[in-house]
C-alpha atoms as a PDB file:
ATOM      1  CA  MET A   1      -0.054 -75.104 -18.361  1.00  0.00           C
ATOM      2  CA  ARG A   2      -2.517 -72.579 -19.626  1.00  0.00           C
ATOM      3  CA  LEU A   3      -5.931 -71.637 -18.368  1.00  0.00           C
ATOM      4  CA  LEU A   4      -8.356 -69.947 -20.696  1.00  0.00           C
ATOM      5  CA  VAL A   5     -11.042 -67.876 -18.991  1.00  0.00           C
ATOM      6  CA  HIS A   6     -13.964 -66.558 -20.989  1.00  0.00           C
ATOM      7  CA  LEU A   7     -15.336 -63.328 -19.588  1.00  0.00           C
ATOM      8  CA  PRO A   8     -18.469 -61.531 -20.707  1.00  0.00           C
ATOM      9  CA  GLU A   9     -17.901 -58.293 -22.608  1.00  0.00           C
ATOM     10  CA  SER A  10     -18.914 -56.250 -19.579  1.00  0.00           C
ATOM     11  CA  LEU A  11     -15.988 -57.715 -17.590  1.00  0.00           C
ATOM     12  CA  ARG A  12     -13.311 -57.506 -20.298  1.00  0.00           C
ATOM     13  CA  VAL A  13     -11.959 -54.341 -18.699  1.00  0.00           C
ATOM     14  CA  HIS A  14     -11.196 -56.434 -15.587  1.00  0.00           C
ATOM     15  CA  THR A  15      -9.198 -59.126 -17.386  1.00  0.00           C
ATOM     16  CA  ILE A  16      -5.983 -58.337 -15.515  1.00  0.00           C
ATOM     17  CA  GLU A  17      -7.738 -58.435 -12.134  1.00  0.00           C
ATOM     18  CA  ALA A  18      -9.387 -61.756 -13.029  1.00  0.00           C
ATOM     19  CA  THR A  19      -6.038 -63.189 -14.106  1.00  0.00           C
ATOM     20  CA  ASN A  20      -4.390 -62.009 -10.901  1.00  0.00           C
ATOM     21  CA  ALA A  21      -7.252 -63.459  -8.841  1.00  0.00           C
ATOM     22  CA  VAL A  22      -6.843 -66.886 -10.462  1.00  0.00           C
ATOM     23  CA  HIS A  23      -3.077 -66.781  -9.882  1.00  0.00           C
ATOM     24  CA  GLU A  24      -3.605 -65.735  -6.269  1.00  0.00           C
ATOM     25  CA  HIS A  25      -6.144 -68.508  -5.725  1.00  0.00           C
ATOM     26  CA  PHE A  26      -3.732 -71.202  -6.912  1.00  0.00           C
ATOM     27  CA  ARG A  27      -0.809 -69.633  -5.020  1.00  0.00           C
ATOM     28  CA  ARG A  28      -2.801 -69.734  -1.782  1.00  0.00           C
ATOM     29  CA  THR A  29      -4.037 -73.256  -2.465  1.00  0.00           C
ATOM     30  CA  HIS A  30      -0.447 -74.373  -3.027  1.00  0.00           C
ATOM     31  CA  ALA A  31       0.741 -72.632   0.156  1.00  0.00           C
ATOM     32  CA  GLN A  32      -2.066 -74.298   2.145  1.00  0.00           C
ATOM     33  CA  GLY A  33      -1.075 -77.682   0.722  1.00  0.00           C
ATOM     34  CA  GLU A  34       2.528 -77.128   1.778  1.00  0.00           C
ATOM     35  CA  ARG A  35       1.439 -76.159   5.306  1.00  0.00           C
ATOM     36  CA  ASN A  36      -0.707 -79.296   5.540  1.00  0.00           C
ATOM     37  CA  PHE A  37       2.183 -81.433   4.314  1.00  0.00           C
ATOM     38  CA  ARG A  38       4.615 -79.950   6.873  1.00  0.00           C
ATOM     39  CA  ARG A  39       2.003 -80.468   9.618  1.00  0.00           C
ATOM     40  CA  ARG A  40       1.605 -84.112   8.631  1.00  0.00           C
ATOM     41  CA  LEU A  41       5.368 -84.567   8.686  1.00  0.00           C
ATOM     42  CA  ARG A  42       5.539 -83.067  12.191  1.00  0.00           C
ATOM     43  CA  ILE A  43       2.726 -85.298  13.436  1.00  0.00           C
ATOM     44  CA  GLY A  44       4.314 -88.314  11.749  1.00  0.00           C
ATOM     45  CA  GLY A  45       7.668 -87.584  13.380  1.00  0.00           C
ATOM     46  CA  PHE A  46       6.051 -87.239  16.787  1.00  0.00           C
ATOM     47  CA  THR A  47       4.110 -90.484  16.294  1.00  0.00           C
ATOM     48  CA  PHE A  48       7.278 -92.270  15.213  1.00  0.00           C
ATOM     49  CA  ALA A  49       9.127 -91.026  18.326  1.00  0.00           C
ATOM     50  CA  VAL A  50       6.288 -92.232  20.572  1.00  0.00           C
ATOM     51  CA  ALA A  51       6.293 -95.626  18.848  1.00  0.00           C
ATOM     52  CA  LEU A  52      10.059 -95.960  19.367  1.00  0.00           C
ATOM     53  CA  ALA A  53       9.669 -95.020  23.042  1.00  0.00           C
ATOM     54  CA  VAL A  54       6.968 -97.666  23.510  1.00  0.00           C
ATOM     55  CA  LEU A  55       9.132-100.254  21.772  1.00  0.00           C
ATOM     56  CA  ALA A  56      12.145 -99.374  23.923  1.00  0.00           C
ATOM     57  CA  GLY A  57       9.979 -99.557  27.049  1.00  0.00           C
ATOM     58  CA  ASN A  58       8.744-102.994  26.040  1.00  0.00           C
ATOM     59  CA  VAL A  59      12.286-104.251  25.480  1.00  0.00           C
ATOM     60  CA  VAL A  60      13.432-102.926  28.859  1.00  0.00           C
ATOM     61  CA  LEU A  61      10.370-104.296  30.662  1.00  0.00           C
ATOM     62  CA  ARG A  62      10.800-107.698  29.039  1.00  0.00           C
ATOM     63  CA  SER A  63      14.453-107.785  30.107  1.00  0.00           C
ATOM     64  CA  LEU A  64      13.539-106.828  33.677  1.00  0.00           C
ATOM     65  CA  LEU A  65      10.786-109.427  33.838  1.00  0.00           C
ATOM     66  CA  ARG A  66      13.093-112.101  32.455  1.00  0.00           C
ATOM     67  CA  ASP A  67      15.648-111.277  35.184  1.00  0.00           C
ATOM     68  CA  PHE A  68      12.868-111.270  37.810  1.00  0.00           C
ATOM     69  CA  GLU A  69      11.612-114.649  36.573  1.00  0.00           C
ATOM     70  CA  ARG A  70      15.143-116.061  36.711  1.00  0.00           C
ATOM     71  CA  MET A  71      15.588-114.810  40.299  1.00  0.00           C
ATOM     72  CA  LEU A  72      12.190-116.208  41.281  1.00  0.00           C
ATOM     73  CA  VAL A  73      12.969-119.635  39.812  1.00  0.00           C
ATOM     74  CA  GLU A  74      16.396-119.717  41.515  1.00  0.00           C
ATOM     75  CA  GLY A  75      14.785-118.731  44.814  1.00  0.00           C
ATOM     76  CA  LEU A  76      12.151-121.457  44.534  1.00  0.00           C
ATOM     77  CA  GLU A  77      14.821-124.036  43.672  1.00  0.00           C
ATOM     78  CA  GLU A  78      16.691-123.178  46.885  1.00  0.00           C
ATOM     79  CA  VAL A  79      13.526-123.583  48.955  1.00  0.00           C
ATOM     80  CA  CYS A  80      12.621-126.952  47.432  1.00  0.00           C
END
């Protein structure tokens, strides 16, 4: 990819600095994008771990409640 920058005659002596500034701008923009992407991956991983923990808790709680319900029904059958 090429970028053509038109400078006024008074700034032609600073062509190299302008070129370096454009390169630096895009390098920093790219680096910032990579940092944002890594941050999103970290947050996504944490969110996924929390979701799995909630799911596991629900499965365990459901199993415990099913056992409790079974014990309660058996206890009521003995009384009646």
